[in-house]
Amino acid sequence: MPLRKDTAGSNPVSSLSSIKLQMSLISQQDREMVIEALEYYVQKLKDDNCTDASITAFQTLLNWVELEHFKYEN
């Protein structure tokens, strides 16, 4: 028997929203490797007196990857 549109819980999308699904394309180990590489690269940019714009761009990327790492941490 098909569910009616006005039946509570008949919307499969809304029922999925109550389930916390965390899917990711890369693993935590991948994120850790990227964080380590970006930390090294940002420090290299600073040591080589690169422009603030370049350093800020890579620092921003590093911050985002760190947030993603934290988000998927158990």
PDB file of N, CA and C in Angstrom:
ATOM      1  N   MET A   1       0.840  -1.164   0.000  1.00  0.00           N
ATOM      2  CA  MET A   1       0.000   0.000   0.000  1.00  0.00           C
ATOM      3  C   MET A   1       0.896   1.241   0.000  1.00  0.00           C
ATOM      4  N   PRO A   2       0.827   2.084  -1.006  1.00  0.00           N
ATOM      5  CA  PRO A   2       1.674   3.276  -1.069  1.00  0.00           C
ATOM      6  C   PRO A   2       1.265   4.297  -0.017  1.00  0.00           C
ATOM      7  N   LEU A   3       2.247   5.051   0.457  1.00  0.00           N
ATOM      8  CA  LEU A   3       1.981   6.095   1.433  1.00  0.00           C
ATOM      9  C   LEU A   3       1.402   7.317   0.752  1.00  0.00           C
ATOM     10  N   ARG A   4       0.470   7.949   1.419  1.00  0.00           N
ATOM     11  CA  ARG A   4      -0.114   9.189   0.897  1.00  0.00           C
ATOM     12  C   ARG A   4       0.805  10.352   1.219  1.00  0.00           C
ATOM     13  N   LYS A   5       0.734  11.402   0.425  1.00  0.00           N
ATOM     14  CA  LYS A   5       1.566  12.577   0.628  1.00  0.00           C
ATOM     15  C   LYS A   5       1.313  13.233   1.976  1.00  0.00           C
ATOM     16  N   ASP A   6       0.072  13.152   2.462  1.00  0.00           N
ATOM     17  CA  ASP A   6      -0.251  13.824   3.715  1.00  0.00           C
ATOM     18  C   ASP A   6      -0.045  12.929   4.933  1.00  0.00           C
ATOM     19  N   THR A   7       0.518  11.751   4.734  1.00  0.00           N
ATOM     20  CA  THR A   7       0.776  10.838   5.838  1.00  0.00           C
ATOM     21  C   THR A   7       2.103  11.198   6.490  1.00  0.00           C
ATOM     22  N   ALA A   8       2.082  11.316   7.800  1.00  0.00           N
ATOM     23  CA  ALA A   8       3.308  11.645   8.531  1.00  0.00           C
ATOM     24  C   ALA A   8       4.376  10.602   8.242  1.00  0.00           C
ATOM     25  N   GLY A   9       5.562  11.070   7.945  1.00  0.00           N
ATOM     26  CA  GLY A   9       6.676  10.168   7.676  1.00  0.00           C
ATOM     27  C   GLY A   9       6.700   9.627   6.264  1.00  0.00           C
ATOM     28  N   SER A  10       5.857  10.137   5.378  1.00  0.00           N
ATOM     29  CA  SER A  10       5.834   9.603   4.025  1.00  0.00           C
ATOM     30  C   SER A  10       6.896  10.214   3.130  1.00  0.00           C
ATOM     31  N   ASN A  11       7.540  11.246   3.599  1.00  0.00           N
ATOM     32  CA  ASN A  11       8.573  11.892   2.809  1.00  0.00           C
ATOM     33  C   ASN A  11       9.923  11.243   3.128  1.00  0.00           C
ATOM     34  N   PRO A  12      10.494  10.474   2.197  1.00  0.00           N
ATOM     35  CA  PRO A  12      11.749   9.787   2.487  1.00  0.00           C
ATOM     36  C   PRO A  12      12.900  10.758   2.736  1.00  0.00           C
ATOM     37  N   VAL A  13      12.853  11.937   2.162  1.00  0.00           N
ATOM     38  CA  VAL A  13      13.920  12.904   2.372  1.00  0.00           C
ATOM     39  C   VAL A  13      13.913  13.409   3.804  1.00  0.00           C
ATOM     40  N   SER A  14      12.737  13.750   4.323  1.00  0.00           N
ATOM     41  CA  SER A  14      12.684  14.250   5.696  1.00  0.00           C
ATOM     42  C   SER A  14      13.048  13.165   6.700  1.00  0.00           C
ATOM     43  N   SER A  15      12.725  11.928   6.408  1.00  0.00           N
ATOM     44  CA  SER A  15      13.089  10.863   7.349  1.00  0.00           C
ATOM     45  C   SER A  15      14.593  10.645   7.351  1.00  0.00           C
ATOM     46  N   LEU A  16      15.248  10.889   6.231  1.00  0.00           N
ATOM     47  CA  LEU A  16      16.698  10.763   6.186  1.00  0.00           C
ATOM     48  C   LEU A  16      17.381  11.891   6.932  1.00  0.00           C
ATOM     49  N   SER A  17      16.726  13.037   7.000  1.00  0.00           N
ATOM     50  CA  SER A  17      17.362  14.167   7.667  1.00  0.00           C
ATOM     51  C   SER A  17      17.523  13.924   9.159  1.00  0.00           C
ATOM     52  N   SER A  18      16.737  13.031   9.725  1.00  0.00           N
ATOM     53  CA  SER A  18      16.864  12.745  11.150  1.00  0.00           C
ATOM     54  C   SER A  18      18.010  11.781  11.432  1.00  0.00           C
ATOM     55  N   ILE A  19      18.526  11.140  10.406  1.00  0.00           N
ATOM     56  CA  ILE A  19      19.651  10.223  10.552  1.00  0.00           C
ATOM     57  C   ILE A  19      20.927  10.998  10.268  1.00  0.00           C
ATOM     58  N   LYS A  20      21.877  10.943  11.194  1.00  0.00           N
ATOM     59  CA  LYS A  20      23.132  11.664  11.008  1.00  0.00           C
ATOM     60  C   LYS A  20      24.070  10.806  10.173  1.00  0.00           C
ATOM     61  N   LEU A  21      24.196  11.180   8.913  1.00  0.00           N
ATOM     62  CA  LEU A  21      25.084  10.464   8.008  1.00  0.00           C
ATOM     63  C   LEU A  21      26.309  11.319   7.750  1.00  0.00           C
ATOM     64  N   GLN A  22      27.473  10.756   7.963  1.00  0.00           N
ATOM     65  CA  GLN A  22      28.702  11.467   7.659  1.00  0.00           C
ATOM     66  C   GLN A  22      29.455  10.668   6.616  1.00  0.00           C
ATOM     67  N   MET A  23      29.426  11.189   5.418  1.00  0.00           N
ATOM     68  CA  MET A  23      30.119  10.533   4.327  1.00  0.00           C
ATOM     69  C   MET A  23      31.239  11.446   3.865  1.00  0.00           C
ATOM     70  N   SER A  24      32.324  10.858   3.476  1.00  0.00           N
ATOM     71  CA  SER A  24      33.467  11.633   3.052  1.00  0.00           C
ATOM     72  C   SER A  24      34.166  10.929   1.907  1.00  0.00           C
ATOM     73  N   LEU A  25      34.779  11.735   1.064  1.00  0.00           N
ATOM     74  CA  LEU A  25      35.509  11.169  -0.066  1.00  0.00           C
ATOM     75  C   LEU A  25      36.932  10.778   0.290  1.00  0.00           C
ATOM     76  N   ILE A  26      37.464  11.349   1.376  1.00  0.00           N
ATOM     77  CA  ILE A  26      38.828  11.010   1.784  1.00  0.00           C
ATOM     78  C   ILE A  26      38.841  10.580   3.246  1.00  0.00           C
ATOM     79  N   SER A  27      39.856   9.830   3.601  1.00  0.00           N
ATOM     80  CA  SER A  27      39.944   9.290   4.962  1.00  0.00           C
ATOM     81  C   SER A  27      40.601  10.295   5.908  1.00  0.00           C
ATOM     82  N   GLN A  28      40.498  10.003   7.186  1.00  0.00           N
ATOM     83  CA  GLN A  28      41.157  10.834   8.192  1.00  0.00           C
ATOM     84  C   GLN A  28      42.678  10.800   7.990  1.00  0.00           C
ATOM     85  N   GLN A  29      43.192   9.650   7.602  1.00  0.00           N
ATOM     86  CA  GLN A  29      44.630   9.542   7.344  1.00  0.00           C
ATOM     87  C   GLN A  29      45.027  10.457   6.186  1.00  0.00           C
ATOM     88  N   ASP A  30      44.200  10.518   5.148  1.00  0.00           N
ATOM     89  CA  ASP A  30      44.461  11.425   4.028  1.00  0.00           C
ATOM     90  C   ASP A  30      44.484  12.873   4.509  1.00  0.00           C
ATOM     91  N   ARG A  31      43.522  13.226   5.348  1.00  0.00           N
ATOM     92  CA  ARG A  31      43.468  14.592   5.882  1.00  0.00           C
ATOM     93  C   ARG A  31      44.722  14.906   6.692  1.00  0.00           C
ATOM     94  N   GLU A  32      45.159  13.950   7.518  1.00  0.00           N
ATOM     95  CA  GLU A  32      46.359  14.159   8.323  1.00  0.00           C
ATOM     96  C   GLU A  32      47.583  14.389   7.444  1.00  0.00           C
ATOM     97  N   MET A  33      47.683  13.652   6.352  1.00  0.00           N
ATOM     98  CA  MET A  33      48.793  13.839   5.423  1.00  0.00           C
ATOM     99  C   MET A  33      48.736  15.214   4.768  1.00  0.00           C
ATOM    100  N   VAL A  34      47.540  15.648   4.388  1.00  0.00           N
ATOM    101  CA  VAL A  34      47.374  16.960   3.769  1.00  0.00           C
ATOM    102  C   VAL A  34      47.712  18.062   4.772  1.00  0.00           C
ATOM    103  N   ILE A  35      47.277  17.897   6.005  1.00  0.00           N
ATOM    104  CA  ILE A  35      47.574  18.888   7.042  1.00  0.00           C
ATOM    105  C   ILE A  35      49.086  19.012   7.229  1.00  0.00           C
ATOM    106  N   GLU A  36      49.756  17.889   7.328  1.00  0.00           N
ATOM    107  CA  GLU A  36      51.205  17.909   7.504  1.00  0.00           C
ATOM    108  C   GLU A  36      51.900  18.587   6.320  1.00  0.00           C
ATOM    109  N   ALA A  37      51.471  18.262   5.114  1.00  0.00           N
ATOM    110  CA  ALA A  37      52.084  18.857   3.919  1.00  0.00           C
ATOM    111  C   ALA A  37      51.818  20.360   3.849  1.00  0.00           C
ATOM    112  N   LEU A  38      50.590  20.768   4.156  1.00  0.00           N
ATOM    113  CA  LEU A  38      50.265  22.193   4.108  1.00  0.00           C
ATOM    114  C   LEU A  38      50.987  22.976   5.201  1.00  0.00           C
ATOM    115  N   GLU A  39      51.122  22.386   6.379  1.00  0.00           N
ATOM    116  CA  GLU A  39      51.872  23.056   7.450  1.00  0.00           C
ATOM    117  C   GLU A  39      53.312  23.299   7.005  1.00  0.00           C
ATOM    118  N   TYR A  40      53.905  22.279   6.397  1.00  0.00           N
ATOM    119  CA  TYR A  40      55.274  22.406   5.892  1.00  0.00           C
ATOM    120  C   TYR A  40      55.339  23.494   4.815  1.00  0.00           C
ATOM    121  N   TYR A  41      54.386  23.472   3.892  1.00  0.00           N
ATOM    122  CA  TYR A  41      54.400  24.413   2.770  1.00  0.00           C
ATOM    123  C   TYR A  41      54.175  25.850   3.250  1.00  0.00           C
ATOM    124  N   VAL A  42      53.259  26.053   4.184  1.00  0.00           N
ATOM    125  CA  VAL A  42      53.010  27.393   4.720  1.00  0.00           C
ATOM    126  C   VAL A  42      54.272  27.910   5.405  1.00  0.00           C
ATOM    127  N   GLN A  43      54.939  27.051   6.173  1.00  0.00           N
ATOM    128  CA  GLN A  43      56.181  27.475   6.824  1.00  0.00           C
ATOM    129  C   GLN A  43      57.246  27.820   5.787  1.00  0.00           C
ATOM    130  N   LYS A  44      57.327  27.039   4.722  1.00  0.00           N
ATOM    131  CA  LYS A  44      58.293  27.307   3.638  1.00  0.00           C
ATOM    132  C   LYS A  44      58.000  28.648   2.981  1.00  0.00           C
ATOM    133  N   LEU A  45      56.725  28.939   2.747  1.00  0.00           N
ATOM    134  CA  LEU A  45      56.350  30.231   2.167  1.00  0.00           C
ATOM    135  C   LEU A  45      56.792  31.378   3.081  1.00  0.00           C
ATOM    136  N   LYS A  46      56.597  31.202   4.378  1.00  0.00           N
ATOM    137  CA  LYS A  46      57.014  32.234   5.337  1.00  0.00           C
ATOM    138  C   LYS A  46      58.527  32.394   5.337  1.00  0.00           C
ATOM    139  N   ASP A  47      59.234  31.265   5.345  1.00  0.00           N
ATOM    140  CA  ASP A  47      60.703  31.312   5.352  1.00  0.00           C
ATOM    141  C   ASP A  47      61.260  31.965   4.097  1.00  0.00           C
ATOM    142  N   ASP A  48      60.575  31.780   2.968  1.00  0.00           N
ATOM    143  CA  ASP A  48      61.022  32.334   1.687  1.00  0.00           C
ATOM    144  C   ASP A  48      60.495  33.741   1.441  1.00  0.00           C
ATOM    145  N   ASN A  49      59.868  34.333   2.467  1.00  0.00           N
ATOM    146  CA  ASN A  49      59.327  35.701   2.371  1.00  0.00           C
ATOM    147  C   ASN A  49      58.375  35.881   1.188  1.00  0.00           C
ATOM    148  N   CYS A  50      57.496  34.936   1.013  1.00  0.00           N
ATOM    149  CA  CYS A  50      56.487  35.043  -0.045  1.00  0.00           C
ATOM    150  C   CYS A  50      55.442  36.083   0.350  1.00  0.00           C
ATOM    151  N   THR A  51      54.592  36.420  -0.590  1.00  0.00           N
ATOM    152  CA  THR A  51      53.588  37.457  -0.336  1.00  0.00           C
ATOM    153  C   THR A  51      52.598  37.001   0.723  1.00  0.00           C
ATOM    154  N   ASP A  52      52.065  37.976   1.439  1.00  0.00           N
ATOM    155  CA  ASP A  52      51.050  37.675   2.448  1.00  0.00           C
ATOM    156  C   ASP A  52      49.826  37.018   1.823  1.00  0.00           C
ATOM    157  N   ALA A  53      49.487  37.435   0.610  1.00  0.00           N
ATOM    158  CA  ALA A  53      48.315  36.866  -0.068  1.00  0.00           C
ATOM    159  C   ALA A  53      48.506  35.372  -0.308  1.00  0.00           C
ATOM    160  N   SER A  54      49.689  34.978  -0.718  1.00  0.00           N
ATOM    161  CA  SER A  54      49.973  33.564  -0.967  1.00  0.00           C
ATOM    162  C   SER A  54      49.939  32.769   0.331  1.00  0.00           C
ATOM    163  N   ILE A  55      50.571  33.303   1.359  1.00  0.00           N
ATOM    164  CA  ILE A  55      50.587  32.624   2.660  1.00  0.00           C
ATOM    165  C   ILE A  55      49.167  32.494   3.199  1.00  0.00           C
ATOM    166  N   THR A  56      48.399  33.557   3.105  1.00  0.00           N
ATOM    167  CA  THR A  56      47.020  33.544   3.610  1.00  0.00           C
ATOM    168  C   THR A  56      46.160  32.533   2.866  1.00  0.00           C
ATOM    169  N   ALA A  57      46.334  32.435   1.565  1.00  0.00           N
ATOM    170  CA  ALA A  57      45.543  31.484   0.770  1.00  0.00           C
ATOM    171  C   ALA A  57      45.797  30.049   1.229  1.00  0.00           C
ATOM    172  N   PHE A  58      47.064  29.690   1.420  1.00  0.00           N
ATOM    173  CA  PHE A  58      47.376  28.328   1.838  1.00  0.00           C
ATOM    174  C   PHE A  58      47.034  28.094   3.303  1.00  0.00           C
ATOM    175  N   GLN A  59      47.163  29.109   4.130  1.00  0.00           N
ATOM    176  CA  GLN A  59      46.768  28.997   5.534  1.00  0.00           C
ATOM    177  C   GLN A  59      45.263  28.779   5.646  1.00  0.00           C
ATOM    178  N   THR A  60      44.506  29.453   4.793  1.00  0.00           N
ATOM    179  CA  THR A  60      43.049  29.283   4.772  1.00  0.00           C
ATOM    180  C   THR A  60      42.685  27.853   4.379  1.00  0.00           C
ATOM    181  N   LEU A  61      43.359  27.334   3.379  1.00  0.00           N
ATOM    182  CA  LEU A  61      43.133  25.947   2.962  1.00  0.00           C
ATOM    183  C   LEU A  61      43.479  24.990   4.100  1.00  0.00           C
ATOM    184  N   LEU A  62      44.588  25.240   4.765  1.00  0.00           N
ATOM    185  CA  LEU A  62      44.994  24.414   5.908  1.00  0.00           C
ATOM    186  C   LEU A  62      43.932  24.447   7.002  1.00  0.00           C
ATOM    187  N   ASN A  63      43.429  25.627   7.301  1.00  0.00           N
ATOM    188  CA  ASN A  63      42.390  25.748   8.325  1.00  0.00           C
ATOM    189  C   ASN A  63      41.152  24.945   7.953  1.00  0.00           C
ATOM    190  N   TRP A  64      40.763  24.993   6.693  1.00  0.00           N
ATOM    191  CA  TRP A  64      39.575  24.257   6.239  1.00  0.00           C
ATOM    192  C   TRP A  64      39.787  22.745   6.387  1.00  0.00           C
ATOM    193  N   VAL A  65      40.959  22.259   5.988  1.00  0.00           N
ATOM    194  CA  VAL A  65      41.237  20.820   6.105  1.00  0.00           C
ATOM    195  C   VAL A  65      41.249  20.403   7.570  1.00  0.00           C
ATOM    196  N   GLU A  66      41.792  21.248   8.441  1.00  0.00           N
ATOM    197  CA  GLU A  66      41.787  20.940   9.874  1.00  0.00           C
ATOM    198  C   GLU A  66      40.358  20.889  10.420  1.00  0.00           C
ATOM    199  N   LEU A  67      39.504  21.786   9.948  1.00  0.00           N
ATOM    200  CA  LEU A  67      38.092  21.746  10.370  1.00  0.00           C
ATOM    201  C   LEU A  67      37.417  20.465   9.911  1.00  0.00           C
ATOM    202  N   GLU A  68      37.679  20.068   8.677  1.00  0.00           N
ATOM    203  CA  GLU A  68      37.118  18.818   8.159  1.00  0.00           C
ATOM    204  C   GLU A  68      37.628  17.628   8.969  1.00  0.00           C
ATOM    205  N   HIS A  69      38.893  17.646   9.314  1.00  0.00           N
ATOM    206  CA  HIS A  69      39.467  16.568  10.117  1.00  0.00           C
ATOM    207  C   HIS A  69      38.755  16.488  11.468  1.00  0.00           C
ATOM    208  N   PHE A  70      38.559  17.635  12.090  1.00  0.00           N
ATOM    209  CA  PHE A  70      37.864  17.679  13.382  1.00  0.00           C
ATOM    210  C   PHE A  70      36.412  17.210  13.250  1.00  0.00           C
ATOM    211  N   LYS A  71      35.764  17.604  12.157  1.00  0.00           N
ATOM    212  CA  LYS A  71      34.353  17.258  11.931  1.00  0.00           C
ATOM    213  C   LYS A  71      34.144  15.739  11.854  1.00  0.00           C
ATOM    214  N   TYR A  72      35.090  15.038  11.264  1.00  0.00           N
ATOM    215  CA  TYR A  72      34.935  13.597  11.077  1.00  0.00           C
ATOM    216  C   TYR A  72      35.630  12.773  12.148  1.00  0.00           C
ATOM    217  N   GLU A  73      36.207  13.438  13.153  1.00  0.00           N
ATOM    218  CA  GLU A  73      36.849  12.725  14.243  1.00  0.00           C
ATOM    219  C   GLU A  73      35.804  12.046  15.115  1.00  0.00           C
ATOM    220  N   ASN A  74      36.095  10.866  15.584  1.00  0.00           N
ATOM    221  CA  ASN A  74      35.140  10.142  16.436  1.00  0.00           C
ATOM    222  C   ASN A  74      35.337  10.446  17.870  1.00  0.00           C
TER     223      ASN A  74
END
